[in-house]
Amino acid sequence: GVSDIVDAYQFTLTMANWLPVTMVGAFSIVLI
């Protein structure tokens, strides 16, 4: 449901992924 576990999952997913996803986005655009 709308719960503390989902809050934690959404927060952790976004905050932990932001730097690698940023790098992937930048490198993909110049790499391709």
PDB file of all heavy atoms in Angstrom:
ATOM      1  N   GLY A   1       0.814  -1.209   0.000  1.00  0.00           N
ATOM      2  CA  GLY A   1       0.000   0.000   0.000  1.00  0.00           C
ATOM      3  C   GLY A   1       0.848   1.260   0.000  1.00  0.00           C
ATOM      4  O   GLY A   1       1.969   1.280  -0.507  1.00  0.00           O
ATOM      5  N   VAL A   2       0.308   2.356   0.563  1.00  0.00           N
ATOM      6  CA  VAL A   2       1.071   3.596   0.765  1.00  0.00           C
ATOM      7  C   VAL A   2       1.605   3.544   2.184  1.00  0.00           C
ATOM      8  O   VAL A   2       0.912   3.877   3.138  1.00  0.00           O
ATOM      9  CB  VAL A   2       0.183   4.838   0.542  1.00  0.00           C
ATOM     10  CG1 VAL A   2       0.973   6.123   0.808  1.00  0.00           C
ATOM     11  CG2 VAL A   2      -0.359   4.853  -0.893  1.00  0.00           C
ATOM     12  N   SER A   3       2.833   3.084   2.341  1.00  0.00           N
ATOM     13  CA  SER A   3       3.348   2.741   3.674  1.00  0.00           C
ATOM     14  C   SER A   3       4.788   3.204   3.832  1.00  0.00           C
ATOM     15  O   SER A   3       5.415   3.718   2.903  1.00  0.00           O
ATOM     16  CB  SER A   3       3.279   1.223   3.874  1.00  0.00           C
ATOM     17  OG  SER A   3       4.129   0.558   2.955  1.00  0.00           O
ATOM     18  N   ASP A   4       5.321   2.971   5.043  1.00  0.00           N
ATOM     19  CA  ASP A   4       6.707   3.339   5.329  1.00  0.00           C
ATOM     20  C   ASP A   4       7.684   2.531   4.480  1.00  0.00           C
ATOM     21  O   ASP A   4       8.740   3.058   4.078  1.00  0.00           O
ATOM     22  CB  ASP A   4       7.011   3.108   6.811  1.00  0.00           C
ATOM     23  CG  ASP A   4       6.276   4.085   7.716  1.00  0.00           C
ATOM     24  OD1 ASP A   4       5.946   5.182   7.239  1.00  0.00           O
ATOM     25  OD2 ASP A   4       6.025   3.739   8.884  1.00  0.00           O
ATOM     26  N   ILE A   5       7.356   1.272   4.193  1.00  0.00           N
ATOM     27  CA  ILE A   5       8.245   0.452   3.375  1.00  0.00           C
ATOM     28  C   ILE A   5       8.363   1.022   1.963  1.00  0.00           C
ATOM     29  O   ILE A   5       9.461   1.108   1.399  1.00  0.00           O
ATOM     30  CB  ILE A   5       7.735  -1.005   3.321  1.00  0.00           C
ATOM     31  CG1 ILE A   5       7.799  -1.649   4.712  1.00  0.00           C
ATOM     32  CG2 ILE A   5       8.555  -1.818   2.326  1.00  0.00           C
ATOM     33  CD1 ILE A   5       9.191  -1.825   5.250  1.00  0.00           C
ATOM     34  N   VAL A   6       7.230   1.433   1.391  1.00  0.00           N
ATOM     35  CA  VAL A   6       7.259   2.011   0.047  1.00  0.00           C
ATOM     36  C   VAL A   6       7.965   3.356   0.071  1.00  0.00           C
ATOM     37  O   VAL A   6       8.702   3.701  -0.862  1.00  0.00           O
ATOM     38  CB  VAL A   6       5.835   2.140  -0.523  1.00  0.00           C
ATOM     39  CG1 VAL A   6       5.866   2.755  -1.919  1.00  0.00           C
ATOM     40  CG2 VAL A   6       5.166   0.778  -0.581  1.00  0.00           C
ATOM     41  N   ASP A   7       7.743   4.141   1.127  1.00  0.00           N
ATOM     42  CA  ASP A   7       8.503   5.388   1.288  1.00  0.00           C
ATOM     43  C   ASP A   7      10.004   5.109   1.255  1.00  0.00           C
ATOM     44  O   ASP A   7      10.773   5.781   0.559  1.00  0.00           O
ATOM     45  CB  ASP A   7       8.151   6.044   2.631  1.00  0.00           C
ATOM     46  CG  ASP A   7       7.064   7.104   2.482  1.00  0.00           C
ATOM     47  OD1 ASP A   7       6.649   7.368   1.346  1.00  0.00           O
ATOM     48  OD2 ASP A   7       6.636   7.647   3.509  1.00  0.00           O
ATOM     49  N   ALA A   8      10.430   4.087   2.016  1.00  0.00           N
ATOM     50  CA  ALA A   8      11.851   3.749   2.103  1.00  0.00           C
ATOM     51  C   ALA A   8      12.379   3.274   0.762  1.00  0.00           C
ATOM     52  O   ALA A   8      13.481   3.665   0.329  1.00  0.00           O
ATOM     53  CB  ALA A   8      12.069   2.669   3.163  1.00  0.00           C
ATOM     54  N   TYR A   9      11.607   2.442   0.077  1.00  0.00           N
ATOM     55  CA  TYR A   9      12.045   1.920  -1.215  1.00  0.00           C
ATOM     56  C   TYR A   9      12.199   3.049  -2.229  1.00  0.00           C
ATOM     57  O   TYR A   9      13.202   3.122  -2.947  1.00  0.00           O
ATOM     58  CB  TYR A   9      11.043   0.884  -1.727  1.00  0.00           C
ATOM     59  CG  TYR A   9      11.445   0.282  -3.057  1.00  0.00           C
ATOM     60  CD1 TYR A   9      12.422  -0.702  -3.118  1.00  0.00           C
ATOM     61  CD2 TYR A   9      10.859   0.715  -4.240  1.00  0.00           C
ATOM     62  CE1 TYR A   9      12.803  -1.248  -4.336  1.00  0.00           C
ATOM     63  CE2 TYR A   9      11.240   0.176  -5.460  1.00  0.00           C
ATOM     64  CZ  TYR A   9      12.206  -0.803  -5.504  1.00  0.00           C
ATOM     65  OH  TYR A   9      12.592  -1.329  -6.702  1.00  0.00           O
ATOM     66  N   GLN A  10      11.208   3.946  -2.287  1.00  0.00           N
ATOM     67  CA  GLN A  10      11.260   5.046  -3.244  1.00  0.00           C
ATOM     68  C   GLN A  10      12.423   5.984  -2.939  1.00  0.00           C
ATOM     69  O   GLN A  10      13.147   6.415  -3.840  1.00  0.00           O
ATOM     70  CB  GLN A  10       9.936   5.821  -3.222  1.00  0.00           C
ATOM     71  CG  GLN A  10       9.840   6.958  -4.216  1.00  0.00           C
ATOM     72  CD  GLN A  10       9.877   6.470  -5.660  1.00  0.00           C
ATOM     73  OE1 GLN A  10       9.495   5.335  -5.924  1.00  0.00           O
ATOM     74  NE2 GLN A  10      10.346   7.307  -6.565  1.00  0.00           N
ATOM     75  N   PHE A  11      12.616   6.307  -1.658  1.00  0.00           N
ATOM     76  CA  PHE A  11      13.699   7.200  -1.263  1.00  0.00           C
ATOM     77  C   PHE A  11      15.062   6.564  -1.570  1.00  0.00           C
ATOM     78  O   PHE A  11      15.951   7.210  -2.155  1.00  0.00           O
ATOM     79  CB  PHE A  11      13.592   7.517   0.234  1.00  0.00           C
ATOM     80  CG  PHE A  11      14.674   8.424   0.751  1.00  0.00           C
ATOM     81  CD1 PHE A  11      14.577   9.796   0.610  1.00  0.00           C
ATOM     82  CD2 PHE A  11      15.795   7.894   1.380  1.00  0.00           C
ATOM     83  CE1 PHE A  11      15.582  10.637   1.083  1.00  0.00           C
ATOM     84  CE2 PHE A  11      16.799   8.723   1.854  1.00  0.00           C
ATOM     85  CZ  PHE A  11      16.687  10.099   1.708  1.00  0.00           C
ATOM     86  N   THR A  12      15.242   5.305  -1.199  1.00  0.00           N
ATOM     87  CA  THR A  12      16.526   4.632  -1.400  1.00  0.00           C
ATOM     88  C   THR A  12      16.825   4.444  -2.874  1.00  0.00           C
ATOM     89  O   THR A  12      17.968   4.658  -3.329  1.00  0.00           O
ATOM     90  CB  THR A  12      16.526   3.265  -0.692  1.00  0.00           C
ATOM     91  OG1 THR A  12      16.070   3.415   0.655  1.00  0.00           O
ATOM     92  CG2 THR A  12      17.928   2.664  -0.678  1.00  0.00           C
ATOM     93  N   LEU A  13      15.817   4.059  -3.646  1.00  0.00           N
ATOM     94  CA  LEU A  13      15.993   3.881  -5.084  1.00  0.00           C
ATOM     95  C   LEU A  13      16.468   5.169  -5.742  1.00  0.00           C
ATOM     96  O   LEU A  13      17.428   5.176  -6.528  1.00  0.00           O
ATOM     97  CB  LEU A  13      14.667   3.432  -5.705  1.00  0.00           C
ATOM     98  CG  LEU A  13      14.594   3.364  -7.236  1.00  0.00           C
ATOM     99  CD1 LEU A  13      15.516   2.276  -7.752  1.00  0.00           C
ATOM    100  CD2 LEU A  13      13.165   3.129  -7.700  1.00  0.00           C
ATOM    101  N   THR A  14      15.825   6.274  -5.401  1.00  0.00           N
ATOM    102  CA  THR A  14      16.154   7.548  -6.037  1.00  0.00           C
ATOM    103  C   THR A  14      17.515   8.069  -5.595  1.00  0.00           C
ATOM    104  O   THR A  14      18.346   8.463  -6.424  1.00  0.00           O
ATOM    105  CB  THR A  14      15.073   8.594  -5.730  1.00  0.00           C
ATOM    106  OG1 THR A  14      13.812   8.108  -6.177  1.00  0.00           O
ATOM    107  CG2 THR A  14      15.383   9.917  -6.411  1.00  0.00           C
ATOM    108  N   MET A  15      17.753   8.060  -4.294  1.00  0.00           N
ATOM    109  CA  MET A  15      18.975   8.663  -3.779  1.00  0.00           C
ATOM    110  C   MET A  15      20.217   7.824  -4.095  1.00  0.00           C
ATOM    111  O   MET A  15      21.278   8.363  -4.408  1.00  0.00           O
ATOM    112  CB  MET A  15      18.851   8.873  -2.264  1.00  0.00           C
ATOM    113  CG  MET A  15      17.697   9.784  -1.851  1.00  0.00           C
ATOM    114  SD  MET A  15      17.760  11.436  -2.593  1.00  0.00           S
ATOM    115  CE  MET A  15      19.214  12.097  -1.812  1.00  0.00           C
ATOM    116  N   ALA A  16      20.099   6.499  -4.016  1.00  0.00           N
ATOM    117  CA  ALA A  16      21.260   5.644  -4.290  1.00  0.00           C
ATOM    118  C   ALA A  16      21.567   5.569  -5.775  1.00  0.00           C
ATOM    119  O   ALA A  16      22.726   5.372  -6.175  1.00  0.00           O
ATOM    120  CB  ALA A  16      21.024   4.244  -3.731  1.00  0.00           C
ATOM    121  N   ASN A  17      20.544   5.716  -6.598  1.00  0.00           N
ATOM    122  CA  ASN A  17      20.727   5.570  -8.047  1.00  0.00           C
ATOM    123  C   ASN A  17      21.085   6.861  -8.754  1.00  0.00           C
ATOM    124  O   ASN A  17      21.478   6.827  -9.919  1.00  0.00           O
ATOM    125  CB  ASN A  17      19.439   5.015  -8.691  1.00  0.00           C
ATOM    126  CG  ASN A  17      19.459   3.502  -8.774  1.00  0.00           C
ATOM    127  OD1 ASN A  17      20.380   2.853  -8.316  1.00  0.00           O
ATOM    128  ND2 ASN A  17      18.412   2.941  -9.343  1.00  0.00           N
ATOM    129  N   TRP A  18      20.952   7.994  -8.077  1.00  0.00           N
ATOM    130  CA  TRP A  18      21.026   9.248  -8.826  1.00  0.00           C
ATOM    131  C   TRP A  18      22.386   9.456  -9.490  1.00  0.00           C
ATOM    132  O   TRP A  18      22.470   9.875 -10.648  1.00  0.00           O
ATOM    133  CB  TRP A  18      20.656  10.442  -7.946  1.00  0.00           C
ATOM    134  CG  TRP A  18      21.730  10.957  -7.046  1.00  0.00           C
ATOM    135  CD1 TRP A  18      21.931  10.636  -5.756  1.00  0.00           C
ATOM    136  CD2 TRP A  18      22.746  11.915  -7.382  1.00  0.00           C
ATOM    137  NE1 TRP A  18      23.019  11.317  -5.252  1.00  0.00           N
ATOM    138  CE2 TRP A  18      23.529  12.114  -6.234  1.00  0.00           C
ATOM    139  CE3 TRP A  18      23.059  12.621  -8.540  1.00  0.00           C
ATOM    140  CZ2 TRP A  18      24.611  12.982  -6.207  1.00  0.00           C
ATOM    141  CZ3 TRP A  18      24.142  13.488  -8.520  1.00  0.00           C
ATOM    142  CH2 TRP A  18      24.908  13.665  -7.353  1.00  0.00           C
ATOM    143  N   LEU A  19      23.480   9.139  -8.782  1.00  0.00           N
ATOM    144  CA  LEU A  19      24.799   9.371  -9.379  1.00  0.00           C
ATOM    145  C   LEU A  19      25.100   8.383 -10.508  1.00  0.00           C
ATOM    146  O   LEU A  19      25.506   8.806 -11.593  1.00  0.00           O
ATOM    147  CB  LEU A  19      25.885   9.326  -8.311  1.00  0.00           C
ATOM    148  CG  LEU A  19      27.292   9.691  -8.789  1.00  0.00           C
ATOM    149  CD1 LEU A  19      27.298  11.044  -9.480  1.00  0.00           C
ATOM    150  CD2 LEU A  19      28.291   9.670  -7.630  1.00  0.00           C
ATOM    151  N   PRO A  20      24.929   7.053 -10.304  1.00  0.00           N
ATOM    152  CA  PRO A  20      25.191   6.151 -11.439  1.00  0.00           C
ATOM    153  C   PRO A  20      24.269   6.398 -12.625  1.00  0.00           C
ATOM    154  O   PRO A  20      24.711   6.324 -13.781  1.00  0.00           O
ATOM    155  CB  PRO A  20      24.978   4.750 -10.848  1.00  0.00           C
ATOM    156  CG  PRO A  20      24.204   4.957  -9.602  1.00  0.00           C
ATOM    157  CD  PRO A  20      24.615   6.297  -9.088  1.00  0.00           C
ATOM    158  N   VAL A  21      23.000   6.711 -12.366  1.00  0.00           N
ATOM    159  CA  VAL A  21      22.083   6.994 -13.470  1.00  0.00           C
ATOM    160  C   VAL A  21      22.493   8.273 -14.195  1.00  0.00           C
ATOM    161  O   VAL A  21      22.406   8.375 -15.422  1.00  0.00           O
ATOM    162  CB  VAL A  21      20.638   7.096 -12.950  1.00  0.00           C
ATOM    163  CG1 VAL A  21      19.708   7.670 -14.012  1.00  0.00           C
ATOM    164  CG2 VAL A  21      20.138   5.725 -12.512  1.00  0.00           C
ATOM    165  N   THR A  22      22.980   9.266 -13.432  1.00  0.00           N
ATOM    166  CA  THR A  22      23.484  10.502 -14.030  1.00  0.00           C
ATOM    167  C   THR A  22      24.662  10.213 -14.953  1.00  0.00           C
ATOM    168  O   THR A  22      24.742  10.709 -16.087  1.00  0.00           O
ATOM    169  CB  THR A  22      23.927  11.477 -12.937  1.00  0.00           C
ATOM    170  OG1 THR A  22      22.800  11.819 -12.142  1.00  0.00           O
ATOM    171  CG2 THR A  22      24.517  12.744 -13.531  1.00  0.00           C
ATOM    172  N   MET A  23      25.585   9.411 -14.468  1.00  0.00           N
ATOM    173  CA  MET A  23      26.771   9.093 -15.261  1.00  0.00           C
ATOM    174  C   MET A  23      26.394   8.297 -16.503  1.00  0.00           C
ATOM    175  O   MET A  23      26.917   8.541 -17.593  1.00  0.00           O
ATOM    176  CB  MET A  23      27.766   8.323 -14.397  1.00  0.00           C
ATOM    177  CG  MET A  23      28.258   9.123 -13.205  1.00  0.00           C
ATOM    178  SD  MET A  23      29.385   8.199 -12.154  1.00  0.00           S
ATOM    179  CE  MET A  23      30.795   8.070 -13.237  1.00  0.00           C
ATOM    180  N   VAL A  24      25.476   7.352 -16.346  1.00  0.00           N
ATOM    181  CA  VAL A  24      25.021   6.575 -17.499  1.00  0.00           C
ATOM    182  C   VAL A  24      24.369   7.493 -18.528  1.00  0.00           C
ATOM    183  O   VAL A  24      24.609   7.373 -19.737  1.00  0.00           O
ATOM    184  CB  VAL A  24      24.034   5.470 -17.051  1.00  0.00           C
ATOM    185  CG1 VAL A  24      23.291   4.899 -18.253  1.00  0.00           C
ATOM    186  CG2 VAL A  24      24.778   4.373 -16.315  1.00  0.00           C
ATOM    187  N   GLY A  25      23.551   8.447 -18.066  1.00  0.00           N
ATOM    188  CA  GLY A  25      22.900   9.372 -18.987  1.00  0.00           C
ATOM    189  C   GLY A  25      23.902  10.217 -19.746  1.00  0.00           C
ATOM    190  O   GLY A  25      23.795  10.389 -20.971  1.00  0.00           O
ATOM    191  N   ALA A  26      24.899  10.742 -19.034  1.00  0.00           N
ATOM    192  CA  ALA A  26      25.908  11.586 -19.684  1.00  0.00           C
ATOM    193  C   ALA A  26      26.776  10.775 -20.641  1.00  0.00           C
ATOM    194  O   ALA A  26      27.009  11.166 -21.784  1.00  0.00           O
ATOM    195  CB  ALA A  26      26.776  12.254 -18.630  1.00  0.00           C
ATOM    196  N   PHE A  27      27.266   9.629 -20.165  1.00  0.00           N
ATOM    197  CA  PHE A  27      28.166   8.834 -20.986  1.00  0.00           C
ATOM    198  C   PHE A  27      27.451   8.235 -22.197  1.00  0.00           C
ATOM    199  O   PHE A  27      28.047   8.104 -23.263  1.00  0.00           O
ATOM    200  CB  PHE A  27      28.803   7.729 -20.148  1.00  0.00           C
ATOM    201  CG  PHE A  27      29.717   8.234 -19.068  1.00  0.00           C
ATOM    202  CD1 PHE A  27      30.016   7.466 -17.965  1.00  0.00           C
ATOM    203  CD2 PHE A  27      30.274   9.507 -19.160  1.00  0.00           C
ATOM    204  CE1 PHE A  27      30.858   7.938 -16.967  1.00  0.00           C
ATOM    205  CE2 PHE A  27      31.118   9.990 -18.167  1.00  0.00           C
ATOM    206  CZ  PHE A  27      31.409   9.203 -17.073  1.00  0.00           C
ATOM    207  N   SER A  28      26.178   7.887 -22.038  1.00  0.00           N
ATOM    208  CA  SER A  28      25.445   7.312 -23.164  1.00  0.00           C
ATOM    209  C   SER A  28      25.326   8.322 -24.296  1.00  0.00           C
ATOM    210  O   SER A  28      25.499   7.981 -25.475  1.00  0.00           O
ATOM    211  CB  SER A  28      24.055   6.858 -22.724  1.00  0.00           C
ATOM    212  OG  SER A  28      24.138   5.777 -21.821  1.00  0.00           O
ATOM    213  N   ILE A  29      25.030   9.559 -23.942  1.00  0.00           N
ATOM    214  CA  ILE A  29      24.844  10.587 -24.971  1.00  0.00           C
ATOM    215  C   ILE A  29      26.127  10.827 -25.747  1.00  0.00           C
ATOM    216  O   ILE A  29      26.105  10.998 -26.972  1.00  0.00           O
ATOM    217  CB  ILE A  29      24.330  11.889 -24.330  1.00  0.00           C
ATOM    218  CG1 ILE A  29      22.889  11.687 -23.819  1.00  0.00           C
ATOM    219  CG2 ILE A  29      24.369  13.045 -25.321  1.00  0.00           C
ATOM    220  CD1 ILE A  29      22.347  12.856 -23.039  1.00  0.00           C
ATOM    221  N   VAL A  30      27.264  10.822 -25.056  1.00  0.00           N
ATOM    222  CA  VAL A  30      28.528  11.053 -25.768  1.00  0.00           C
ATOM    223  C   VAL A  30      29.122   9.754 -26.310  1.00  0.00           C
ATOM    224  O   VAL A  30      29.885   9.778 -27.278  1.00  0.00           O
ATOM    225  CB  VAL A  30      29.554  11.762 -24.856  1.00  0.00           C
ATOM    226  CG1 VAL A  30      29.030  13.101 -24.411  1.00  0.00           C
ATOM    227  CG2 VAL A  30      29.926  10.906 -23.656  1.00  0.00           C
ATOM    228  N   LEU A  31      28.774   8.629 -25.697  1.00  0.00           N
ATOM    229  CA  LEU A  31      29.341   7.358 -26.119  1.00  0.00           C
ATOM    230  C   LEU A  31      28.759   6.864 -27.434  1.00  0.00           C
ATOM    231  O   LEU A  31      29.481   6.324 -28.281  1.00  0.00           O
ATOM    232  CB  LEU A  31      29.107   6.285 -25.046  1.00  0.00           C
ATOM    233  CG  LEU A  31      30.238   5.968 -24.075  1.00  0.00           C
ATOM    234  CD1 LEU A  31      29.809   4.880 -23.126  1.00  0.00           C
ATOM    235  CD2 LEU A  31      31.490   5.574 -24.828  1.00  0.00           C
ATOM    236  N   ILE A  32      27.448   7.025 -27.598  1.00  0.00           N
ATOM    237  CA  ILE A  32      26.808   6.438 -28.776  1.00  0.00           C
ATOM    238  C   ILE A  32      27.378   7.004 -30.073  1.00  0.00           C
ATOM    239  O   ILE A  32      27.746   6.233 -30.977  1.00  0.00           O
ATOM    240  CB  ILE A  32      25.276   6.583 -28.693  1.00  0.00           C
ATOM    241  CG1 ILE A  32      24.749   5.683 -27.568  1.00  0.00           C
ATOM    242  CG2 ILE A  32      24.616   6.219 -30.012  1.00  0.00           C
ATOM    243  CD1 ILE A  32      23.281   5.846 -27.269  1.00  0.00           C
TER     244      ILE A  32
END
